[in-house]
Amino acid sequence: MTYHIRPAESGEVHDRAANHLPPSESTPLLPEPSSQGIVSSARDDDWSELWLLVRYSVPLISTYLLQYSWCIIVTFISGHLSADDLAAASVGMTTMNIIGFAAFEGMATALDTLCSQAYGSGSLTGVGLYVQRMLILMAFAAVPIGAIWAASPWILSLFVKQHHLAVMAGTFLRVSIIGMPGYASFEALKRFLQAQGNFKAAMCILVVCAPVNALLSWLFAFKFGMGLAGAALGTALTNNLRPTLLVLYIMSPAGRWSHQCWGGFSWSALSVSKFGPMIKLSVAGSLVNLAEWAAFEIVAFSTSYLSTKHLAAQTVLTTISVVSWHIPFSVSVGISTRIGHLIGAGLLATARRAAILYGCVFAFIGCFDGLVIFLLRHHLPQFFSDDPTVCALAAKTMLAVSVFQVIDGFICYTNGMLRGLGRQSVAAWVVTLVNYLGAVPLAIWLELGPSGLELNGVWIGVGSGMVVIATVECCYMKILRWQNCVDNVKLLEG
C-alpha cells in the first residue's frame, strides 16, 4: 500500500479526528497543538507513528540485508576457490566499498532529503526531477571511480606486499566495472518509490536477484572456470539486472500509481543552478560514509600488528557488527523519509515529537542487538572460523562489541534525522573530525599502547568517539531552528 502526502488544509486534521477517520500521511500522526482540541489521545498517536515506522522499516531491513548478501556470496565462493582468492576478494571488496559504493550510497542519501521533502511539500514532479539530476551526477562520479578501478592492479601493488594478490584483486575490480552503472542507478531509482512511501518494490526485486546473483557467480566461477573474476562478473550482471527490473515495475500497471511524481524527461533537470544543493548534500553524505567505513578499515589494519589471529578475530567481529548495523541503518532510512515528509509539509511540532519517539525506538534496537550478540558471544564466532584461538579472542571482545551496538544504533538515529532535515553536512564534519582527530588514534593507542587492551581497545576507542558524535549531533538538533529547514524546502521548490 502506498500513501500520498500533501500539506494539510485548514481544519482537515480536526475533521478527521472528529469523524474518527484513520490517520494518513496527508495528516500529522502526532497532531499539532490546537485550541480546537483533538479527539485522539497522544498515546494513540504515538502508536500510529510507531506503526508507520514499522511499515517502513521491515521491507527496508530486508532490502539492505539482501544487498549485503553479495559480499557473503563472493566471500563464500572465493573461500572455496583458494586462500589466495579469498585474500584477493577481501582486498577487492574493501577497495570497492571505500572507493565506489560508499560514494554512490552517500550521494543517494541526498535523495532521502530532497525527494521526501519535495513529496511532503506537494511538489510531486519535483521527485522525478531530483532523481534525474542524481543519475546525471552519478554518471559524472562514475568516470573517476571507474578509472581507479581500471588502474587498480598497479595502484594496489603499491600497498599490498604480495604482487599476485594485488593483480587478482585488481582483476576483480576491473570486471566489477560492468556492474557499476547498475549499482549506482538502483540506489537512485529506489528513492523514487521510497519517497512516495513504497519500500516493498525494491525488496521484492532483491528477493529475485539474490539467488540469481548466487547462481551466476557460481556458474562463472566454477562451471566456466573463470575463478574469482567469474564471481565478480556474476555480481556485476546482477547489479545491472536490479534497476532494469525496477524500471519495468514502474512502467507496468502495478507501478503506474508512481507516475504522479514523474513529469517525464525534462530539460530543467539539466539546469546548472539546480545542482548546487544536490552536490552539497551528496558530498556530505559520501563523506559520512567514507569517514565511518575508512575508520574501521584503518583500525582493522592496525590489528595485524598484534598477530594474524587478532586480525582474523577482528574480521569476525566487524562482520557481526556490520550485519547488526544494517537493522538500525535501515530504520534510519525510514525516519529520513518520514521527517522529510513532515518538514516538506511544514509540520514542525509533529516532526519534533516524532523525533523523540524515534530516539526511544533506536535506543531499544541498539540494546536488543547488543544483548543478542552478548548472549551468543561463544557461538557467533564459530560461524566464521574453525580456529579456537580466533573464536576465543572474538568471544573475549564481545562485551565491548555489544555495548558498541547501542551507540552505533543511536548514531544511525541522529544521522537519519539530519538527513531528513537536510543537514548531512553537519554529520560529515562531526564524523570526520571526531573519528580522525580522536576516535581512531585513541583506538590504536588503547590497542597497541601500554594499556594492553588489544581488541577491546579498538572497540572502546571507536565507541568513545561515537558517543561524542551522538552528543554533538543531538545538541545541534536541539538548538537548530527547524523552521529554517522548511524555508529551505520552499526556496528549492521556488
Protein backbone atom coordinates (compact mmCIF):
# COMPACT_ATOMS: atom_id res chain seq x y z
CA MET A 1 0.00 0.00 0.00
CA THR A 2 1.27 3.48 -0.78
CA TYR A 3 0.43 6.83 0.73
CA HIS A 4 0.40 10.27 -0.76
CA ILE A 5 1.32 13.23 1.37
CA ARG A 6 0.39 16.86 0.91
CA PRO A 7 0.16 19.78 3.29
CA ALA A 8 -2.93 19.50 5.46
CA GLU A 9 -5.57 22.09 4.72
CA SER A 10 -7.07 24.23 7.44
CA GLY A 11 -9.47 22.26 9.58
CA GLU A 12 -8.64 18.94 7.90
CA VAL A 13 -6.89 17.46 10.91
CA HIS A 14 -9.78 18.41 13.18
CA ASP A 15 -12.33 16.98 10.75
CA ARG A 16 -10.53 13.66 10.56
CA ALA A 17 -10.29 13.36 14.30
CA ALA A 18 -13.87 14.41 14.87
CA ASN A 19 -15.18 11.86 12.37
CA HIS A 20 -12.83 9.14 13.64
CA LEU A 21 -11.19 8.74 10.26
CA PRO A 22 -7.95 6.75 10.22
CA PRO A 23 -4.73 8.79 10.00
CA SER A 24 -2.96 9.02 6.67
CA GLU A 25 0.28 10.59 5.55
CA SER A 26 -1.62 13.68 4.49
CA THR A 27 -2.28 14.45 8.15
CA PRO A 28 0.11 14.52 11.08
CA LEU A 29 0.02 11.29 13.05
CA LEU A 30 1.12 13.27 16.09
CA PRO A 31 -1.31 16.21 15.78
CA GLU A 32 -0.27 19.81 16.06
CA PRO A 33 -1.45 21.59 19.20
CA SER A 34 -4.77 23.28 18.56
CA SER A 35 -7.18 25.28 20.63
CA GLN A 36 -9.95 23.31 18.94
CA GLY A 37 -8.78 20.14 20.64
CA ILE A 38 -8.10 16.70 19.22
CA VAL A 39 -10.21 13.66 19.95
CA SER A 40 -7.41 11.06 19.62
CA SER A 41 -5.07 10.74 22.56
CA ALA A 42 -1.34 11.31 22.43
CA ARG A 43 -0.82 7.65 23.22
CA ASP A 44 -2.88 6.58 20.19
CA ASP A 45 -0.91 8.96 18.01
CA ASP A 46 2.38 7.53 19.30
CA TRP A 47 1.22 4.04 18.35
CA SER A 48 0.13 5.26 14.90
CA GLU A 49 3.52 6.86 14.30
CA LEU A 50 5.27 3.74 15.56
CA TRP A 51 3.17 1.51 13.29
CA LEU A 52 4.03 3.67 10.28
CA LEU A 53 7.72 3.36 11.15
CA VAL A 54 7.36 -0.43 11.34
CA ARG A 55 5.68 -0.46 7.90
CA TYR A 56 8.62 1.50 6.50
CA SER A 57 11.35 -0.42 8.33
CA VAL A 58 10.52 -4.10 7.78
CA PRO A 59 10.97 -4.02 3.97
CA LEU A 60 13.95 -1.67 4.34
CA ILE A 61 15.75 -4.08 6.67
CA SER A 62 15.15 -6.90 4.20
CA THR A 63 16.32 -4.70 1.33
CA TYR A 64 19.66 -3.74 2.87
CA LEU A 65 20.41 -7.22 4.20
CA LEU A 66 19.73 -8.64 0.73
CA GLN A 67 22.03 -6.04 -0.80
CA TYR A 68 24.74 -7.01 1.67
CA SER A 69 24.36 -10.65 0.64
CA TRP A 70 26.59 -10.02 -2.39
CA CYS A 71 29.56 -9.74 -0.02
CA ILE A 72 28.64 -13.03 1.60
CA ILE A 73 28.25 -14.75 -1.79
CA VAL A 74 31.62 -13.51 -3.07
CA THR A 75 33.31 -14.47 0.21
CA PHE A 76 31.74 -17.93 0.13
CA ILE A 77 32.76 -18.60 -3.49
CA SER A 78 36.28 -17.22 -3.12
CA GLY A 79 36.75 -19.22 0.08
CA HIS A 80 36.01 -22.40 -1.89
CA LEU A 81 38.45 -21.45 -4.65
CA SER A 82 41.66 -20.92 -2.67
CA ALA A 83 43.19 -18.97 0.20
CA ASP A 84 44.69 -16.53 -2.31
CA ASP A 85 41.30 -15.96 -3.93
CA LEU A 86 39.78 -15.28 -0.51
CA ALA A 87 42.51 -12.77 0.35
CA ALA A 88 42.23 -11.09 -3.06
CA ALA A 89 38.44 -10.89 -2.75
CA SER A 90 38.82 -9.23 0.66
CA VAL A 91 41.20 -6.62 -0.76
CA GLY A 92 38.98 -6.09 -3.81
CA MET A 93 35.73 -5.71 -1.86
CA THR A 94 37.34 -3.36 0.66
CA THR A 95 38.63 -1.15 -2.17
CA MET A 96 35.27 -1.33 -3.95
CA ASN A 97 33.36 -0.32 -0.83
CA ILE A 98 35.57 2.63 0.08
CA ILE A 99 36.29 3.88 -3.45
CA GLY A 100 32.94 3.37 -5.09
CA PHE A 101 29.96 2.07 -3.19
CA ALA A 102 30.44 4.38 -0.19
CA ALA A 103 30.38 7.34 -2.57
CA PHE A 104 27.31 6.19 -4.53
CA GLU A 105 25.32 5.31 -1.41
CA GLY A 106 26.33 8.60 0.19
CA MET A 107 25.22 10.51 -2.89
CA ALA A 108 21.88 8.70 -2.86
CA THR A 109 21.22 9.89 0.69
CA ALA A 110 20.74 13.36 -0.81
CA LEU A 111 17.54 11.97 -2.34
CA ASP A 112 16.37 10.80 1.10
CA THR A 113 16.25 14.51 1.88
CA LEU A 114 15.28 16.16 -1.38
CA CYS A 115 12.70 13.66 -2.71
CA SER A 116 10.89 13.19 0.60
CA GLN A 117 10.76 16.94 1.26
CA ALA A 118 9.52 17.63 -2.28
CA TYR A 119 6.83 14.99 -1.86
CA GLY A 120 5.83 16.38 1.52
CA SER A 121 5.59 19.92 0.17
CA GLY A 122 3.25 18.77 -2.63
CA SER A 123 5.80 19.26 -5.42
CA LEU A 124 5.26 15.78 -6.81
CA THR A 125 7.02 16.09 -10.16
CA GLY A 126 10.00 17.54 -8.27
CA VAL A 127 10.67 14.00 -7.03
CA GLY A 128 11.28 12.78 -10.58
CA LEU A 129 13.44 15.79 -11.42
CA TYR A 130 15.69 15.18 -8.41
CA VAL A 131 16.15 11.55 -9.44
CA GLN A 132 17.08 12.60 -12.99
CA ARG A 133 19.68 15.05 -11.68
CA MET A 134 21.12 12.42 -9.36
CA LEU A 135 21.52 9.95 -12.22
CA ILE A 136 23.43 12.61 -14.16
CA LEU A 137 25.59 13.41 -11.14
CA MET A 138 26.34 9.72 -10.54
CA ALA A 139 27.34 9.30 -14.19
CA PHE A 140 29.97 12.01 -13.75
CA ALA A 141 31.18 10.47 -10.48
CA ALA A 142 31.45 7.04 -12.10
CA VAL A 143 34.18 8.26 -14.50
CA PRO A 144 36.97 8.82 -11.93
CA ILE A 145 35.82 5.86 -9.83
CA GLY A 146 35.89 3.60 -12.89
CA ALA A 147 39.35 4.90 -13.80
CA ILE A 148 40.66 3.98 -10.35
CA TRP A 149 39.14 0.50 -10.59
CA ALA A 150 40.65 0.05 -14.04
CA ALA A 151 44.12 1.02 -12.78
CA SER A 152 43.75 -0.93 -9.53
CA PRO A 153 46.27 -3.72 -10.37
CA TRP A 154 49.04 -1.11 -10.38
CA ILE A 155 47.61 1.00 -7.54
CA LEU A 156 47.08 -1.94 -5.19
CA SER A 157 50.62 -3.18 -5.89
CA LEU A 158 51.86 -0.11 -4.01
CA PHE A 159 50.04 -1.18 -0.83
CA VAL A 160 49.78 -4.99 -1.00
CA LYS A 161 53.07 -6.82 -0.44
CA GLN A 162 52.06 -9.91 -2.41
CA HIS A 163 52.07 -8.74 -6.03
CA HIS A 164 49.94 -11.64 -7.28
CA LEU A 165 47.19 -10.78 -4.77
CA ALA A 166 47.18 -7.16 -5.97
CA VAL A 167 46.79 -8.34 -9.57
CA MET A 168 43.96 -10.75 -8.65
CA ALA A 169 42.14 -8.05 -6.65
CA GLY A 170 42.66 -5.59 -9.50
CA THR A 171 41.17 -8.03 -12.00
CA PHE A 172 38.20 -8.47 -9.67
CA LEU A 173 37.68 -4.69 -9.68
CA ARG A 174 38.10 -4.37 -13.44
CA VAL A 175 35.36 -6.92 -14.11
CA SER A 176 33.15 -5.23 -11.50
CA ILE A 177 33.16 -2.01 -13.56
CA ILE A 178 30.50 -3.70 -15.73
CA GLY A 179 28.01 -3.54 -12.84
CA MET A 180 28.86 -0.03 -11.61
CA PRO A 181 26.10 1.77 -13.62
CA GLY A 182 23.50 -0.69 -12.36
CA TYR A 183 24.56 -0.39 -8.73
CA ALA A 184 24.52 3.41 -8.79
CA SER A 185 21.25 3.80 -10.72
CA PHE A 186 19.44 1.31 -8.47
CA GLU A 187 20.39 3.40 -5.41
CA ALA A 188 18.88 6.47 -7.07
CA LEU A 189 15.79 4.86 -8.61
CA LYS A 190 14.63 3.09 -5.48
CA ARG A 191 14.44 6.52 -3.76
CA PHE A 192 11.85 7.50 -6.36
CA LEU A 193 9.46 4.92 -4.90
CA GLN A 194 10.59 5.27 -1.28
CA ALA A 195 9.81 8.98 -1.28
CA GLN A 196 6.22 8.04 -2.15
CA GLY A 197 6.00 5.57 0.73
CA ASN A 198 6.68 2.37 -1.21
CA PHE A 199 9.53 0.37 0.29
CA LYS A 200 8.43 -3.08 -0.85
CA ALA A 201 9.18 -2.91 -4.59
CA ALA A 202 12.96 -2.74 -4.13
CA MET A 203 12.78 -5.54 -1.57
CA CYS A 204 10.85 -7.82 -3.96
CA ILE A 205 13.34 -7.16 -6.75
CA LEU A 206 16.24 -8.05 -4.46
CA VAL A 207 14.46 -11.23 -3.38
CA VAL A 208 14.53 -12.23 -7.06
CA CYS A 209 18.07 -11.01 -7.76
CA ALA A 210 19.83 -12.52 -4.72
CA PRO A 211 19.50 -16.16 -5.88
CA VAL A 212 20.24 -15.08 -9.46
CA ASN A 213 23.44 -13.48 -8.17
CA ALA A 214 24.44 -16.67 -6.35
CA LEU A 215 23.68 -18.84 -9.39
CA LEU A 216 25.51 -16.67 -11.94
CA SER A 217 28.54 -16.22 -9.69
CA TRP A 218 28.76 -19.98 -9.09
CA LEU A 219 28.36 -20.79 -12.79
CA PHE A 220 31.01 -18.32 -13.97
CA ALA A 221 33.44 -19.15 -11.16
CA PHE A 222 33.26 -22.95 -11.23
CA LYS A 223 31.45 -24.26 -14.31
CA PHE A 224 33.07 -21.81 -16.75
CA GLY A 225 36.40 -21.88 -14.90
CA MET A 226 36.70 -18.10 -14.52
CA GLY A 227 37.53 -18.24 -10.82
CA LEU A 228 37.31 -15.02 -8.82
CA ALA A 229 36.72 -12.96 -11.97
CA GLY A 230 33.65 -15.12 -12.62
CA ALA A 231 32.24 -14.32 -9.19
CA ALA A 232 32.74 -10.63 -9.97
CA LEU A 233 31.05 -10.99 -13.36
CA GLY A 234 28.01 -12.73 -11.86
CA THR A 235 27.60 -9.95 -9.32
CA ALA A 236 28.11 -7.23 -11.95
CA LEU A 237 25.44 -8.64 -14.25
CA THR A 238 23.01 -8.92 -11.34
CA ASN A 239 23.73 -5.31 -10.37
CA ASN A 240 22.56 -4.27 -13.85
CA LEU A 241 19.51 -6.51 -13.60
CA ARG A 242 18.21 -4.75 -10.47
CA PRO A 243 17.49 -1.29 -11.97
CA THR A 244 16.17 -2.95 -15.14
CA LEU A 245 13.53 -4.81 -13.13
CA LEU A 246 12.76 -1.67 -11.11
CA VAL A 247 12.10 0.36 -14.27
CA LEU A 248 9.93 -2.44 -15.66
CA TYR A 249 7.92 -2.39 -12.43
CA ILE A 250 7.41 1.38 -12.63
CA MET A 251 6.30 1.09 -16.26
CA SER A 252 3.93 -1.81 -15.54
CA PRO A 253 0.30 -1.38 -14.39
CA ALA A 254 1.40 -2.35 -10.87
CA GLY A 255 3.70 0.68 -10.67
CA ARG A 256 1.57 3.15 -12.60
CA TRP A 257 0.49 4.82 -9.35
CA SER A 258 4.02 6.28 -9.05
CA HIS A 259 3.70 8.26 -12.30
CA GLN A 260 2.23 11.18 -10.38
CA CYS A 261 5.84 12.00 -9.45
CA TRP A 262 7.17 11.60 -12.96
CA GLY A 263 6.72 14.55 -15.25
CA GLY A 264 8.82 12.93 -17.97
CA PHE A 265 12.37 13.75 -19.00
CA SER A 266 12.81 17.48 -18.79
CA TRP A 267 15.48 19.96 -19.84
CA SER A 268 15.01 21.63 -16.46
CA ALA A 269 16.77 18.61 -14.94
CA LEU A 270 19.92 19.92 -16.64
CA SER A 271 19.67 23.38 -15.08
CA VAL A 272 23.12 24.04 -13.61
CA SER A 273 21.74 26.28 -10.85
CA LYS A 274 19.61 23.39 -9.51
CA PHE A 275 22.60 21.10 -8.97
CA GLY A 276 24.11 23.16 -6.15
CA PRO A 277 22.05 21.85 -3.20
CA MET A 278 22.21 18.28 -4.54
CA ILE A 279 26.00 18.39 -4.89
CA LYS A 280 26.34 19.79 -1.37
CA LEU A 281 24.17 17.05 0.15
CA SER A 282 25.80 14.33 -2.00
CA VAL A 283 29.32 15.29 -0.97
CA ALA A 284 28.29 15.43 2.69
CA GLY A 285 26.57 12.04 2.51
CA SER A 286 29.59 10.46 0.82
CA LEU A 287 31.97 11.96 3.40
CA VAL A 288 29.91 10.49 6.24
CA ASN A 289 30.14 7.01 4.69
CA LEU A 290 33.82 7.32 3.83
CA ALA A 291 34.71 8.65 7.28
CA GLU A 292 32.94 5.77 9.01
CA TRP A 293 33.97 2.94 6.67
CA ALA A 294 37.60 4.01 6.28
CA ALA A 295 37.98 4.41 10.06
CA PHE A 296 37.04 0.76 10.53
CA GLU A 297 39.49 -0.32 7.83
CA ILE A 298 42.31 1.63 9.49
CA VAL A 299 41.78 0.09 12.92
CA ALA A 300 41.30 -3.34 11.32
CA PHE A 301 44.66 -2.98 9.60
CA SER A 302 46.27 -1.97 12.91
CA THR A 303 45.28 -5.31 14.47
CA SER A 304 47.72 -7.02 12.10
CA TYR A 305 50.48 -5.59 14.32
CA LEU A 306 49.20 -7.80 17.14
CA SER A 307 49.04 -11.08 15.20
CA THR A 308 47.33 -12.78 12.30
CA LYS A 309 44.93 -14.35 14.81
CA HIS A 310 43.94 -10.94 16.12
CA LEU A 311 43.34 -9.71 12.56
CA ALA A 312 41.14 -12.73 11.86
CA ALA A 313 39.20 -12.18 15.10
CA GLN A 314 38.71 -8.51 14.27
CA THR A 315 37.38 -9.52 10.83
CA VAL A 316 34.85 -11.82 12.52
CA LEU A 317 33.79 -9.08 14.96
CA THR A 318 33.45 -6.49 12.20
CA THR A 319 31.31 -8.84 10.11
CA ILE A 320 28.98 -9.49 13.06
CA SER A 321 28.78 -5.76 13.79
CA VAL A 322 28.07 -4.83 10.16
CA VAL A 323 25.23 -7.35 9.92
CA SER A 324 23.77 -5.95 13.14
CA TRP A 325 24.25 -2.35 11.91
CA HIS A 326 22.01 -2.98 8.90
CA ILE A 327 18.97 -3.11 11.20
CA PRO A 328 19.19 0.40 12.73
CA PHE A 329 20.56 1.84 9.48
CA SER A 330 17.57 0.53 7.54
CA VAL A 331 15.19 2.04 10.09
CA SER A 332 17.11 5.33 9.82
CA VAL A 333 16.27 5.47 6.10
CA GLY A 334 12.62 5.18 7.11
CA ILE A 335 12.83 8.08 9.56
CA SER A 336 14.71 10.18 6.99
CA THR A 337 11.76 9.76 4.64
CA ARG A 338 9.17 10.41 7.36
CA ILE A 339 10.90 13.50 8.74
CA GLY A 340 11.43 14.75 5.19
CA HIS A 341 7.69 14.41 4.56
CA LEU A 342 6.85 16.33 7.72
CA ILE A 343 9.40 19.08 7.07
CA GLY A 344 8.19 19.43 3.49
CA ALA A 345 4.61 19.76 4.76
CA GLY A 346 5.68 22.29 7.42
CA LEU A 347 4.50 20.13 10.35
CA LEU A 348 7.28 21.13 12.73
CA ALA A 349 5.72 20.21 16.07
CA THR A 350 4.79 16.81 14.69
CA ALA A 351 8.35 16.27 13.46
CA ARG A 352 9.84 17.24 16.83
CA ARG A 353 7.59 14.91 18.79
CA ALA A 354 8.19 12.11 16.29
CA ALA A 355 11.93 12.66 16.75
CA ILE A 356 11.64 11.96 20.49
CA LEU A 357 9.70 8.76 19.78
CA TYR A 358 12.29 7.66 17.22
CA GLY A 359 15.11 8.22 19.70
CA CYS A 360 13.47 5.75 22.09
CA VAL A 361 12.97 3.24 19.27
CA PHE A 362 16.64 3.35 18.26
CA ALA A 363 17.79 3.02 21.87
CA PHE A 364 15.68 -0.14 22.11
CA ILE A 365 17.02 -1.51 18.81
CA GLY A 366 20.62 -0.92 19.92
CA CYS A 367 20.06 -2.57 23.30
CA PHE A 368 18.33 -5.54 21.68
CA ASP A 369 21.11 -6.07 19.12
CA GLY A 370 23.78 -5.73 21.80
CA LEU A 371 22.04 -8.19 24.12
CA VAL A 372 21.64 -10.82 21.39
CA ILE A 373 25.31 -10.54 20.39
CA PHE A 374 26.48 -10.80 24.00
CA LEU A 375 24.29 -13.84 24.77
CA LEU A 376 25.61 -15.58 21.64
CA ARG A 377 29.22 -14.46 22.16
CA HIS A 378 30.57 -18.03 22.30
CA HIS A 379 28.53 -19.26 19.33
CA LEU A 380 28.61 -16.49 16.69
CA PRO A 381 32.40 -16.62 16.04
CA GLN A 382 32.13 -20.33 15.23
CA PHE A 383 30.04 -19.49 12.15
CA PHE A 384 33.02 -17.63 10.68
CA SER A 385 36.07 -19.53 11.92
CA ASP A 386 37.07 -23.02 12.99
CA ASP A 387 40.20 -21.74 14.73
CA PRO A 388 39.70 -21.99 18.52
CA THR A 389 42.17 -19.17 19.20
CA VAL A 390 40.33 -16.81 16.84
CA CYS A 391 36.98 -17.72 18.40
CA ALA A 392 38.35 -17.20 21.91
CA LEU A 393 39.73 -13.75 21.02
CA ALA A 394 36.42 -12.77 19.46
CA ALA A 395 34.36 -14.01 22.42
CA LYS A 396 36.66 -12.14 24.82
CA THR A 397 35.93 -8.87 22.98
CA MET A 398 32.21 -9.42 22.53
CA LEU A 399 31.13 -7.36 25.57
CA ALA A 400 32.74 -4.23 24.07
CA VAL A 401 31.18 -5.05 20.69
CA SER A 402 27.76 -5.45 22.34
CA VAL A 403 27.95 -2.03 24.01
CA PHE A 404 29.12 -0.61 20.69
CA GLN A 405 25.84 -1.72 19.07
CA VAL A 406 23.87 0.54 21.43
CA ILE A 407 25.99 3.54 20.47
CA ASP A 408 26.05 2.64 16.77
CA GLY A 409 22.26 2.30 16.74
CA PHE A 410 21.85 5.77 18.19
CA ILE A 411 24.28 7.20 15.63
CA CYS A 412 22.01 5.78 12.92
CA TYR A 413 19.18 7.73 14.56
CA THR A 414 21.00 11.06 14.66
CA ASN A 415 22.33 10.70 11.11
CA GLY A 416 18.87 9.68 9.85
CA MET A 417 17.31 12.72 11.49
CA LEU A 418 19.93 15.02 9.99
CA ARG A 419 19.26 13.58 6.53
CA GLY A 420 15.54 14.23 6.94
CA LEU A 421 16.31 17.80 7.97
CA GLY A 422 18.75 18.29 5.09
CA ARG A 423 21.75 18.76 7.39
CA GLN A 424 24.09 15.99 6.18
CA SER A 425 26.97 18.48 6.09
CA VAL A 426 26.86 18.74 9.89
CA ALA A 427 27.15 14.96 10.23
CA ALA A 428 30.03 14.95 7.71
CA TRP A 429 32.06 17.47 9.68
CA VAL A 430 31.36 15.92 13.05
CA VAL A 431 32.04 12.31 11.99
CA THR A 432 35.24 13.18 10.11
CA LEU A 433 36.76 15.38 12.82
CA VAL A 434 35.88 13.14 15.76
CA ASN A 435 36.94 9.91 14.04
CA TYR A 436 40.31 11.04 12.74
CA LEU A 437 41.32 13.51 15.44
CA GLY A 438 40.08 11.43 18.36
CA ALA A 439 38.46 8.02 17.93
CA VAL A 440 40.94 6.29 15.60
CA PRO A 441 44.12 7.50 17.40
CA LEU A 442 42.55 6.59 20.75
CA ALA A 443 41.56 3.13 19.49
CA ILE A 444 45.06 2.40 18.19
CA TRP A 445 46.68 3.69 21.41
CA LEU A 446 44.40 1.56 23.60
CA GLU A 447 45.02 -1.42 21.32
CA LEU A 448 48.80 -1.22 20.95
CA GLY A 449 49.79 1.06 23.84
CA PRO A 450 50.74 0.34 27.44
CA SER A 451 47.15 -0.40 28.46
CA GLY A 452 47.36 -3.72 26.60
CA LEU A 453 43.64 -3.80 25.84
CA GLU A 454 44.25 -5.23 22.34
CA LEU A 455 40.94 -5.81 20.50
CA ASN A 456 38.91 -4.41 23.40
CA GLY A 457 40.87 -1.20 22.97
CA VAL A 458 39.81 -0.96 19.31
CA TRP A 459 36.10 -1.10 20.13
CA ILE A 460 36.34 1.07 23.26
CA GLY A 461 38.26 3.75 21.34
CA VAL A 462 35.94 3.85 18.33
CA GLY A 463 32.88 3.61 20.60
CA SER A 464 34.06 6.54 22.71
CA GLY A 465 34.32 8.66 19.60
CA MET A 466 30.79 7.70 18.58
CA VAL A 467 29.47 8.81 21.98
CA VAL A 468 30.95 12.24 21.25
CA ILE A 469 29.42 12.23 17.75
CA ALA A 470 25.97 11.34 19.08
CA THR A 471 26.17 14.02 21.78
CA VAL A 472 27.23 16.76 19.37
CA GLU A 473 24.58 15.84 16.79
CA CYS A 474 21.82 15.71 19.43
CA CYS A 475 22.83 19.12 20.76
CA TYR A 476 22.84 20.51 17.23
CA MET A 477 19.32 19.24 16.55
CA LYS A 478 18.18 20.70 19.86
CA ILE A 479 19.40 24.21 19.07
CA LEU A 480 18.60 24.08 15.34
CA ARG A 481 15.77 26.32 14.18
CA TRP A 482 13.74 23.74 12.28
CA GLN A 483 11.73 26.45 10.52
CA ASN A 484 14.90 27.16 8.52
CA CYS A 485 14.66 23.63 7.11
CA VAL A 486 11.08 24.33 5.99
CA ASP A 487 12.18 27.61 4.43
CA ASN A 488 14.93 25.79 2.53
CA VAL A 489 12.33 23.45 1.03
CA LYS A 490 10.29 26.41 -0.17
CA LEU A 491 13.41 28.02 -1.60
CA LEU A 492 14.35 24.86 -3.51
CA GLU A 493 10.84 24.45 -4.89
CA GLY A 494 10.57 28.13 -5.73
